Amino acid sequence: MFYKRIEFRNITGQKVKITDIPVVQTSDRYYFMIQARLEILISSLYNNPQEKSCYSFREYLKRKIRWSDFEDLFYEVRNHV
């Protein structure tokens, strides 16, 4: 299973890291959902100073999408690699 990580500085200069971002092909049915949710998360972290500096995208998705979609996504990612 492949994951990517993004590091950036937010509006206040705090270094923020987002880990556990699944890598899927553009033809994958979850591609758009991952891109949209990641953009929402980055936007919220960029504009607001945070207490933590490291966030798990996987944990974020657990709270934001249906459990069946979450299981399908991470099960499919494991089988594609």
PDB file of N, CA and C in Angstrom:
ATOM      1  N   MET A   1       0.841  -1.158   0.000  1.00  0.00           N
ATOM      2  CA  MET A   1       0.000   0.000   0.000  1.00  0.00           C
ATOM      3  C   MET A   1       0.902   1.242   0.000  1.00  0.00           C
ATOM      4  N   PHE A   2       0.619   2.162  -0.901  1.00  0.00           N
ATOM      5  CA  PHE A   2       1.396   3.390  -0.982  1.00  0.00           C
ATOM      6  C   PHE A   2       0.612   4.550  -0.392  1.00  0.00           C
ATOM      7  N   TYR A   3       1.318   5.367   0.349  1.00  0.00           N
ATOM      8  CA  TYR A   3       0.747   6.587   0.906  1.00  0.00           C
ATOM      9  C   TYR A   3       1.688   7.733   0.586  1.00  0.00           C
ATOM     10  N   LYS A   4       1.121   8.924   0.521  1.00  0.00           N
ATOM     11  CA  LYS A   4       1.965  10.095   0.358  1.00  0.00           C
ATOM     12  C   LYS A   4       1.782  10.990   1.568  1.00  0.00           C
ATOM     13  N   ARG A   5       2.655  11.969   1.683  1.00  0.00           N
ATOM     14  CA  ARG A   5       2.647  12.901   2.801  1.00  0.00           C
ATOM     15  C   ARG A   5       2.839  14.304   2.236  1.00  0.00           C
ATOM     16  N   ILE A   6       2.152  15.259   2.826  1.00  0.00           N
ATOM     17  CA  ILE A   6       2.276  16.654   2.407  1.00  0.00           C
ATOM     18  C   ILE A   6       2.733  17.472   3.603  1.00  0.00           C
ATOM     19  N   GLU A   7       3.702  18.351   3.378  1.00  0.00           N
ATOM     20  CA  GLU A   7       4.150  19.277   4.412  1.00  0.00           C
ATOM     21  C   GLU A   7       4.062  20.687   3.852  1.00  0.00           C
ATOM     22  N   PHE A   8       3.537  21.608   4.657  1.00  0.00           N
ATOM     23  CA  PHE A   8       3.430  23.002   4.238  1.00  0.00           C
ATOM     24  C   PHE A   8       3.412  23.894   5.477  1.00  0.00           C
ATOM     25  N   ARG A   9       3.509  25.184   5.249  1.00  0.00           N
ATOM     26  CA  ARG A   9       3.402  26.151   6.339  1.00  0.00           C
ATOM     27  C   ARG A   9       2.065  26.867   6.220  1.00  0.00           C
ATOM     28  N   ASN A  10       1.364  26.980   7.365  1.00  0.00           N
ATOM     29  CA  ASN A  10       0.059  27.639   7.334  1.00  0.00           C
ATOM     30  C   ASN A  10       0.226  29.158   7.344  1.00  0.00           C
ATOM     31  N   ILE A  11      -0.879  29.862   7.428  1.00  0.00           N
ATOM     32  CA  ILE A  11      -0.879  31.314   7.320  1.00  0.00           C
ATOM     33  C   ILE A  11      -0.039  31.989   8.412  1.00  0.00           C
ATOM     34  N   THR A  12       0.103  31.334   9.569  1.00  0.00           N
ATOM     35  CA  THR A  12       0.897  31.899  10.660  1.00  0.00           C
ATOM     36  C   THR A  12       2.352  31.438  10.631  1.00  0.00           C
ATOM     37  N   GLY A  13       2.710  30.606   9.661  1.00  0.00           N
ATOM     38  CA  GLY A  13       4.088  30.123   9.535  1.00  0.00           C
ATOM     39  C   GLY A  13       4.352  28.806  10.228  1.00  0.00           C
ATOM     40  N   GLN A  14       3.343  28.221  10.868  1.00  0.00           N
ATOM     41  CA  GLN A  14       3.496  26.937  11.540  1.00  0.00           C
ATOM     42  C   GLN A  14       3.618  25.820  10.506  1.00  0.00           C
ATOM     43  N   LYS A  15       4.596  24.938  10.694  1.00  0.00           N
ATOM     44  CA  LYS A  15       4.775  23.801   9.787  1.00  0.00           C
ATOM     45  C   LYS A  15       3.717  22.748  10.093  1.00  0.00           C
ATOM     46  N   VAL A  16       2.996  22.308   9.058  1.00  0.00           N
ATOM     47  CA  VAL A  16       1.916  21.330   9.201  1.00  0.00           C
ATOM     48  C   VAL A  16       2.215  20.152   8.280  1.00  0.00           C
ATOM     49  N   LYS A  17       1.995  18.945   8.800  1.00  0.00           N
ATOM     50  CA  LYS A  17       2.227  17.729   8.022  1.00  0.00           C
ATOM     51  C   LYS A  17       0.941  16.914   7.991  1.00  0.00           C
ATOM     52  N   ILE A  18       0.567  16.443   6.798  1.00  0.00           N
ATOM     53  CA  ILE A  18      -0.580  15.547   6.635  1.00  0.00           C
ATOM     54  C   ILE A  18      -0.033  14.231   6.099  1.00  0.00           C
ATOM     55  N   THR A  19      -0.263  13.154   6.845  1.00  0.00           N
ATOM     56  CA  THR A  19       0.254  11.834   6.471  1.00  0.00           C
ATOM     57  C   THR A  19      -0.896  10.906   6.089  1.00  0.00           C
ATOM     58  N   ASP A  20      -0.544   9.711   5.650  1.00  0.00           N
ATOM     59  CA  ASP A  20      -1.507   8.637   5.343  1.00  0.00           C
ATOM     60  C   ASP A  20      -2.491   9.005   4.243  1.00  0.00           C
ATOM     61  N   ILE A  21      -2.012   9.655   3.190  1.00  0.00           N
ATOM     62  CA  ILE A  21      -2.856   9.992   2.050  1.00  0.00           C
ATOM     63  C   ILE A  21      -2.720   8.852   1.042  1.00  0.00           C
ATOM     64  N   PRO A  22      -3.804   8.115   0.781  1.00  0.00           N
ATOM     65  CA  PRO A  22      -3.696   6.971  -0.137  1.00  0.00           C
ATOM     66  C   PRO A  22      -3.427   7.426  -1.567  1.00  0.00           C
ATOM     67  N   VAL A  23      -2.582   6.678  -2.253  1.00  0.00           N
ATOM     68  CA  VAL A  23      -2.274   6.949  -3.654  1.00  0.00           C
ATOM     69  C   VAL A  23      -3.160   6.048  -4.509  1.00  0.00           C
ATOM     70  N   VAL A  24      -3.999   6.674  -5.335  1.00  0.00           N
ATOM     71  CA  VAL A  24      -4.879   5.929  -6.231  1.00  0.00           C
ATOM     72  C   VAL A  24      -4.728   6.493  -7.639  1.00  0.00           C
ATOM     73  N   GLN A  25      -5.077   5.702  -8.619  1.00  0.00           N
ATOM     74  CA  GLN A  25      -5.011   6.152 -10.007  1.00  0.00           C
ATOM     75  C   GLN A  25      -6.158   7.112 -10.294  1.00  0.00           C
ATOM     76  N   THR A  26      -5.984   7.955 -11.312  1.00  0.00           N
ATOM     77  CA  THR A  26      -7.026   8.927 -11.651  1.00  0.00           C
ATOM     78  C   THR A  26      -8.312   8.254 -12.112  1.00  0.00           C
ATOM     79  N   SER A  27      -8.233   7.026 -12.552  1.00  0.00           N
ATOM     80  CA  SER A  27      -9.427   6.302 -12.982  1.00  0.00           C
ATOM     81  C   SER A  27     -10.157   5.626 -11.820  1.00  0.00           C
ATOM     82  N   ASP A  28      -9.572   5.631 -10.635  1.00  0.00           N
ATOM     83  CA  ASP A  28     -10.184   5.009  -9.464  1.00  0.00           C
ATOM     84  C   ASP A  28     -11.443   5.771  -9.062  1.00  0.00           C
ATOM     85  N   ARG A  29     -12.464   5.056  -8.607  1.00  0.00           N
ATOM     86  CA  ARG A  29     -13.728   5.706  -8.264  1.00  0.00           C
ATOM     87  C   ARG A  29     -13.614   6.601  -7.036  1.00  0.00           C
ATOM     88  N   TYR A  30     -12.585   6.441  -6.228  1.00  0.00           N
ATOM     89  CA  TYR A  30     -12.404   7.273  -5.044  1.00  0.00           C
ATOM     90  C   TYR A  30     -11.460   8.451  -5.276  1.00  0.00           C
ATOM     91  N   TYR A  31     -10.930   8.579  -6.467  1.00  0.00           N
ATOM     92  CA  TYR A  31      -9.953   9.641  -6.756  1.00  0.00           C
ATOM     93  C   TYR A  31     -10.521  11.032  -6.458  1.00  0.00           C
ATOM     94  N   PHE A  32     -11.690  11.331  -6.986  1.00  0.00           N
ATOM     95  CA  PHE A  32     -12.276  12.655  -6.793  1.00  0.00           C
ATOM     96  C   PHE A  32     -12.570  12.922  -5.322  1.00  0.00           C
ATOM     97  N   MET A  33     -13.098  11.913  -4.621  1.00  0.00           N
ATOM     98  CA  MET A  33     -13.415  12.070  -3.206  1.00  0.00           C
ATOM     99  C   MET A  33     -12.161  12.358  -2.391  1.00  0.00           C
ATOM    100  N   ILE A  34     -11.080  11.653  -2.686  1.00  0.00           N
ATOM    101  CA  ILE A  34      -9.821  11.884  -1.968  1.00  0.00           C
ATOM    102  C   ILE A  34      -9.316  13.295  -2.245  1.00  0.00           C
ATOM    103  N   GLN A  35      -9.329  13.708  -3.501  1.00  0.00           N
ATOM    104  CA  GLN A  35      -8.846  15.046  -3.858  1.00  0.00           C
ATOM    105  C   GLN A  35      -9.679  16.133  -3.181  1.00  0.00           C
ATOM    106  N   ALA A  36     -11.006  15.995  -3.216  1.00  0.00           N
ATOM    107  CA  ALA A  36     -11.887  17.001  -2.629  1.00  0.00           C
ATOM    108  C   ALA A  36     -11.711  17.070  -1.111  1.00  0.00           C
ATOM    109  N   ARG A  37     -11.699  15.938  -0.447  1.00  0.00           N
ATOM    110  CA  ARG A  37     -11.533  15.918   1.013  1.00  0.00           C
ATOM    111  C   ARG A  37     -10.163  16.432   1.433  1.00  0.00           C
ATOM    112  N   LEU A  38      -9.143  16.105   0.660  1.00  0.00           N
ATOM    113  CA  LEU A  38      -7.799  16.591   0.978  1.00  0.00           C
ATOM    114  C   LEU A  38      -7.737  18.109   0.833  1.00  0.00           C
ATOM    115  N   GLU A  39      -8.354  18.647  -0.202  1.00  0.00           N
ATOM    116  CA  GLU A  39      -8.382  20.095  -0.399  1.00  0.00           C
ATOM    117  C   GLU A  39      -9.102  20.792   0.757  1.00  0.00           C
ATOM    118  N   ILE A  40     -10.210  20.211   1.217  1.00  0.00           N
ATOM    119  CA  ILE A  40     -10.943  20.778   2.345  1.00  0.00           C
ATOM    120  C   ILE A  40     -10.084  20.769   3.605  1.00  0.00           C
ATOM    121  N   LEU A  41      -9.406  19.660   3.868  1.00  0.00           N
ATOM    122  CA  LEU A  41      -8.553  19.556   5.055  1.00  0.00           C
ATOM    123  C   LEU A  41      -7.399  20.546   4.998  1.00  0.00           C
ATOM    124  N   ILE A  42      -6.711  20.615   3.867  1.00  0.00           N
ATOM    125  CA  ILE A  42      -5.583  21.543   3.730  1.00  0.00           C
ATOM    126  C   ILE A  42      -6.057  22.973   3.910  1.00  0.00           C
ATOM    127  N   SER A  43      -7.176  23.313   3.312  1.00  0.00           N
ATOM    128  CA  SER A  43      -7.717  24.662   3.425  1.00  0.00           C
ATOM    129  C   SER A  43      -8.018  25.020   4.879  1.00  0.00           C
ATOM    130  N   SER A  44      -8.627  24.104   5.610  1.00  0.00           N
ATOM    131  CA  SER A  44      -8.948  24.389   7.006  1.00  0.00           C
ATOM    132  C   SER A  44      -7.691  24.508   7.869  1.00  0.00           C
ATOM    133  N   LEU A  45      -6.692  23.687   7.587  1.00  0.00           N
ATOM    134  CA  LEU A  45      -5.449  23.758   8.359  1.00  0.00           C
ATOM    135  C   LEU A  45      -4.606  24.971   7.985  1.00  0.00           C
ATOM    136  N   TYR A  46      -4.685  25.385   6.732  1.00  0.00           N
ATOM    137  CA  TYR A  46      -3.892  26.529   6.275  1.00  0.00           C
ATOM    138  C   TYR A  46      -4.387  27.838   6.889  1.00  0.00           C
ATOM    139  N   ASN A  47      -5.682  27.986   6.982  1.00  0.00           N
ATOM    140  CA  ASN A  47      -6.258  29.256   7.416  1.00  0.00           C
ATOM    141  C   ASN A  47      -6.397  29.409   8.925  1.00  0.00           C
ATOM    142  N   ASN A  48      -6.218  28.350   9.686  1.00  0.00           N
ATOM    143  CA  ASN A  48      -6.398  28.421  11.141  1.00  0.00           C
ATOM    144  C   ASN A  48      -5.172  27.871  11.860  1.00  0.00           C
ATOM    145  N   PRO A  49      -4.631  28.624  12.815  1.00  0.00           N
ATOM    146  CA  PRO A  49      -3.522  28.080  13.606  1.00  0.00           C
ATOM    147  C   PRO A  49      -4.000  26.859  14.401  1.00  0.00           C
ATOM    148  N   GLN A  50      -3.181  25.833  14.464  1.00  0.00           N
ATOM    149  CA  GLN A  50      -3.561  24.573  15.097  1.00  0.00           C
ATOM    150  C   GLN A  50      -2.642  24.263  16.276  1.00  0.00           C
ATOM    151  N   GLU A  51      -3.148  23.445  17.187  1.00  0.00           N
ATOM    152  CA  GLU A  51      -2.331  22.989  18.313  1.00  0.00           C
ATOM    153  C   GLU A  51      -1.347  21.915  17.864  1.00  0.00           C
ATOM    154  N   LYS A  52      -1.819  21.015  16.999  1.00  0.00           N
ATOM    155  CA  LYS A  52      -0.962  19.936  16.520  1.00  0.00           C
ATOM    156  C   LYS A  52      -0.270  20.362  15.234  1.00  0.00           C
ATOM    157  N   SER A  53       0.804  19.659  14.904  1.00  0.00           N
ATOM    158  CA  SER A  53       1.498  19.957  13.653  1.00  0.00           C
ATOM    159  C   SER A  53       1.462  18.782  12.684  1.00  0.00           C
ATOM    160  N   CYS A  54       0.920  17.635  13.117  1.00  0.00           N
ATOM    161  CA  CYS A  54       0.860  16.451  12.258  1.00  0.00           C
ATOM    162  C   CYS A  54      -0.542  15.863  12.312  1.00  0.00           C
ATOM    163  N   TYR A  55      -1.113  15.619  11.120  1.00  0.00           N
ATOM    164  CA  TYR A  55      -2.475  15.099  11.010  1.00  0.00           C
ATOM    165  C   TYR A  55      -2.484  13.882  10.095  1.00  0.00           C
ATOM    166  N   SER A  56      -3.338  12.925  10.419  1.00  0.00           N
ATOM    167  CA  SER A  56      -3.497  11.722   9.603  1.00  0.00           C
ATOM    168  C   SER A  56      -4.739  11.884   8.729  1.00  0.00           C
ATOM    169  N   PHE A  57      -4.550  11.836   7.419  1.00  0.00           N
ATOM    170  CA  PHE A  57      -5.663  11.925   6.492  1.00  0.00           C
ATOM    171  C   PHE A  57      -6.571  10.712   6.638  1.00  0.00           C
ATOM    172  N   ARG A  58      -5.994   9.586   6.947  1.00  0.00           N
ATOM    173  CA  ARG A  58      -6.788   8.369   7.150  1.00  0.00           C
ATOM    174  C   ARG A  58      -7.750   8.543   8.320  1.00  0.00           C
ATOM    175  N   GLU A  59      -7.271   9.097   9.424  1.00  0.00           N
ATOM    176  CA  GLU A  59      -8.129   9.340  10.589  1.00  0.00           C
ATOM    177  C   GLU A  59      -9.195  10.384  10.266  1.00  0.00           C
ATOM    178  N   TYR A  60      -8.838  11.379   9.481  1.00  0.00           N
ATOM    179  CA  TYR A  60      -9.789  12.394   9.054  1.00  0.00           C
ATOM    180  C   TYR A  60     -10.912  11.762   8.224  1.00  0.00           C
ATOM    181  N   LEU A  61     -10.554  10.876   7.296  1.00  0.00           N
ATOM    182  CA  LEU A  61     -11.551  10.211   6.466  1.00  0.00           C
ATOM    183  C   LEU A  61     -12.469   9.308   7.284  1.00  0.00           C
ATOM    184  N   LYS A  62     -11.944   8.691   8.336  1.00  0.00           N
ATOM    185  CA  LYS A  62     -12.772   7.846   9.195  1.00  0.00           C
ATOM    186  C   LYS A  62     -13.953   8.631   9.752  1.00  0.00           C
ATOM    187  N   ARG A  63     -13.727   9.895  10.057  1.00  0.00           N
ATOM    188  CA  ARG A  63     -14.781  10.734  10.634  1.00  0.00           C
ATOM    189  C   ARG A  63     -15.681  11.372   9.586  1.00  0.00           C
ATOM    190  N   LYS A  64     -15.223  11.489   8.343  1.00  0.00           N
ATOM    191  CA  LYS A  64     -15.943  12.285   7.356  1.00  0.00           C
ATOM    192  C   LYS A  64     -16.701  11.491   6.296  1.00  0.00           C
ATOM    193  N   ILE A  65     -16.371  10.231   6.079  1.00  0.00           N
ATOM    194  CA  ILE A  65     -17.071   9.469   5.043  1.00  0.00           C
ATOM    195  C   ILE A  65     -17.749   8.250   5.665  1.00  0.00           C
ATOM    196  N   ARG A  66     -18.640   7.648   4.889  1.00  0.00           N
ATOM    197  CA  ARG A  66     -19.324   6.446   5.373  1.00  0.00           C
ATOM    198  C   ARG A  66     -18.304   5.338   5.617  1.00  0.00           C
ATOM    199  N   TRP A  67     -18.579   4.551   6.636  1.00  0.00           N
ATOM    200  CA  TRP A  67     -17.659   3.482   7.014  1.00  0.00           C
ATOM    201  C   TRP A  67     -17.464   2.480   5.874  1.00  0.00           C
ATOM    202  N   SER A  68     -18.522   2.163   5.154  1.00  0.00           N
ATOM    203  CA  SER A  68     -18.396   1.198   4.052  1.00  0.00           C
ATOM    204  C   SER A  68     -17.466   1.740   2.960  1.00  0.00           C
ATOM    205  N   ASP A  69     -17.550   3.040   2.665  1.00  0.00           N
ATOM    206  CA  ASP A  69     -16.643   3.645   1.687  1.00  0.00           C
ATOM    207  C   ASP A  69     -15.209   3.639   2.203  1.00  0.00           C
ATOM    208  N   PHE A  70     -15.042   3.915   3.490  1.00  0.00           N
ATOM    209  CA  PHE A  70     -13.712   3.903   4.091  1.00  0.00           C
ATOM    210  C   PHE A  70     -13.078   2.518   3.968  1.00  0.00           C
ATOM    211  N   GLU A  71     -13.832   1.477   4.301  1.00  0.00           N
ATOM    212  CA  GLU A  71     -13.308   0.116   4.189  1.00  0.00           C
ATOM    213  C   GLU A  71     -12.987  -0.239   2.743  1.00  0.00           C
ATOM    214  N   ASP A  72     -13.887   0.126   1.814  1.00  0.00           N
ATOM    215  CA  ASP A  72     -13.646  -0.158   0.402  1.00  0.00           C
ATOM    216  C   ASP A  72     -12.387   0.534  -0.097  1.00  0.00           C
ATOM    217  N   LEU A  73     -12.230   1.782   0.267  1.00  0.00           N
ATOM    218  CA  LEU A  73     -11.071   2.559  -0.183  1.00  0.00           C
ATOM    219  C   LEU A  73      -9.774   1.928   0.287  1.00  0.00           C
ATOM    220  N   PHE A  74      -9.653   1.670   1.554  1.00  0.00           N
ATOM    221  CA  PHE A  74      -8.393   1.147   2.064  1.00  0.00           C
ATOM    222  C   PHE A  74      -8.209  -0.330   1.740  1.00  0.00           C
ATOM    223  N   TYR A  75      -9.272  -1.061   1.529  1.00  0.00           N
ATOM    224  CA  TYR A  75      -9.156  -2.439   1.077  1.00  0.00           C
ATOM    225  C   TYR A  75      -8.686  -2.475  -0.374  1.00  0.00           C
ATOM    226  N   GLU A  76      -9.249  -1.603  -1.219  1.00  0.00           N
ATOM    227  CA  GLU A  76      -8.841  -1.538  -2.635  1.00  0.00           C
ATOM    228  C   GLU A  76      -7.400  -1.079  -2.770  1.00  0.00           C
ATOM    229  N   VAL A  77      -7.004  -0.097  -1.987  1.00  0.00           N
ATOM    230  CA  VAL A  77      -5.621   0.401  -2.055  1.00  0.00           C
ATOM    231  C   VAL A  77      -4.652  -0.723  -1.714  1.00  0.00           C
ATOM    232  N   ARG A  78      -4.967  -1.501  -0.699  1.00  0.00           N
ATOM    233  CA  ARG A  78      -4.093  -2.615  -0.330  1.00  0.00           C
ATOM    234  C   ARG A  78      -3.983  -3.642  -1.439  1.00  0.00           C
ATOM    235  N   ASN A  79      -5.078  -3.898  -2.148  1.00  0.00           N
ATOM    236  CA  ASN A  79      -5.050  -4.924  -3.191  1.00  0.00           C
ATOM    237  C   ASN A  79      -4.428  -4.430  -4.487  1.00  0.00           C
ATOM    238  N   HIS A  80      -4.344  -3.118  -4.731  1.00  0.00           N
ATOM    239  CA  HIS A  80      -3.759  -2.600  -5.954  1.00  0.00           C
ATOM    240  C   HIS A  80      -2.242  -2.605  -5.926  1.00  0.00           C
ATOM    241  N   VAL A  81      -1.669  -2.715  -4.763  1.00  0.00           N
ATOM    242  CA  VAL A  81      -0.214  -2.603  -4.645  1.00  0.00           C
ATOM    243  C   VAL A  81       0.422  -3.955  -4.646  1.00  0.00           C
TER     244      VAL A  81
END
